[in-house]
């Protein structure tokens, strides 16, 4: 696994790869249902200090800071 960091620390416009979710079974199930699975590419669309707005596959998802702290990502290699 590449050097990973919490999604909440990613910058606007940065494309990252989801590495893992550090949470309980319910959190993992909830995020998986929204398309957040290991290996998926995420793009940070908006970060106004509250929830993060993410572009995932063909959708946009708002993710609270608490959850974003538990989603571990790495910078996507081109």
Protein backbone atom coordinates (compact mmCIF):
# COMPACT_ATOMS: atom_id res chain seq x y z
CA UNK A 1 0.00 0.00 0.00
CA UNK A 2 1.27 3.50 -0.81
CA UNK A 3 1.66 6.13 1.91
CA UNK A 4 -1.91 6.72 2.98
CA UNK A 5 -3.55 9.59 4.81
CA UNK A 6 -7.12 10.50 5.86
CA UNK A 7 -9.38 11.73 3.07
CA UNK A 8 -10.12 14.82 5.18
CA UNK A 9 -6.51 15.95 4.55
CA UNK A 10 -6.77 15.82 0.73
CA UNK A 11 -6.80 19.09 -1.22
CA UNK A 12 -9.50 20.40 -3.55
CA UNK A 13 -8.97 19.07 -7.06
CA UNK A 14 -6.67 16.31 -5.84
CA UNK A 15 -7.37 12.88 -7.28
CA UNK A 16 -6.81 10.15 -4.73
CA UNK A 17 -7.25 6.38 -4.52
CA UNK A 18 -9.20 4.81 -1.67
CA UNK A 19 -6.91 2.42 0.21
CA UNK A 20 -8.97 1.37 3.24
CA UNK A 21 -11.74 2.32 5.64
CA UNK A 22 -10.88 2.38 9.32
CA UNK A 23 -14.21 1.82 10.95
CA UNK A 24 -16.74 -0.70 12.09
CA UNK A 25 -18.79 -3.01 9.94
CA UNK A 26 -21.72 -0.55 9.72
CA UNK A 27 -19.52 2.29 8.49
CA UNK A 28 -17.78 0.07 5.94
CA UNK A 29 -21.16 -1.21 4.68
CA UNK A 30 -22.60 2.31 4.44
CA UNK A 31 -19.62 3.70 2.52
CA UNK A 32 -19.45 0.65 0.26
CA UNK A 33 -23.12 1.17 -0.64
CA UNK A 34 -22.20 4.71 -1.74
CA UNK A 35 -19.49 3.39 -4.08
CA UNK A 36 -16.53 3.97 -1.76
CA UNK A 37 -14.59 0.75 -2.17
CA UNK A 38 -10.84 0.08 -2.05
CA UNK A 39 -9.19 1.02 -5.33
CA UNK A 40 -11.81 3.54 -6.45
CA UNK A 41 -10.65 7.00 -7.57
CA UNK A 42 -12.01 10.01 -5.69
CA UNK A 43 -11.78 13.68 -6.55
CA UNK A 44 -12.24 16.41 -3.94
CA UNK A 45 -14.73 18.87 -5.46
CA UNK A 46 -15.43 21.15 -2.50
CA UNK A 47 -14.09 21.63 1.02
CA UNK A 48 -15.77 24.52 2.79
CA UNK A 49 -14.84 23.43 6.30
CA UNK A 50 -17.89 21.20 6.72
CA UNK A 51 -18.67 18.07 4.74
CA UNK A 52 -16.42 17.24 1.79
CA UNK A 53 -18.02 17.06 -1.64
CA UNK A 54 -16.51 14.16 -3.58
CA UNK A 55 -16.74 13.02 -7.15
CA UNK A 56 -16.90 9.21 -7.18
CA UNK A 57 -17.48 7.28 -10.41
CA UNK A 58 -20.44 9.16 -11.97
CA UNK A 59 -21.78 10.58 -8.71
CA UNK A 60 -21.16 13.34 -6.22
CA UNK A 61 -21.21 12.47 -2.54
CA UNK A 62 -21.12 14.69 0.55
CA UNK A 63 -19.11 13.05 3.31
CA UNK A 64 -18.91 14.39 6.85
CA UNK A 65 -15.50 15.16 8.37
CA UNK A 66 -15.75 12.34 10.92
CA UNK A 67 -16.25 9.76 8.19
CA UNK A 68 -13.61 11.39 5.98
CA UNK A 69 -11.08 10.95 8.80
CA UNK A 70 -11.69 7.18 8.67
CA UNK A 71 -11.26 6.85 4.90
CA UNK A 72 -7.60 6.28 4.11
CA UNK A 73 -6.42 7.38 0.66
CA UNK A 74 -3.21 7.79 -1.31
CA UNK A 75 -2.26 10.16 -4.11
CA UNK A 76 -3.24 8.53 -7.37
CA UNK A 77 -0.23 7.59 -9.48
CA UNK A 78 -0.50 8.61 -13.14
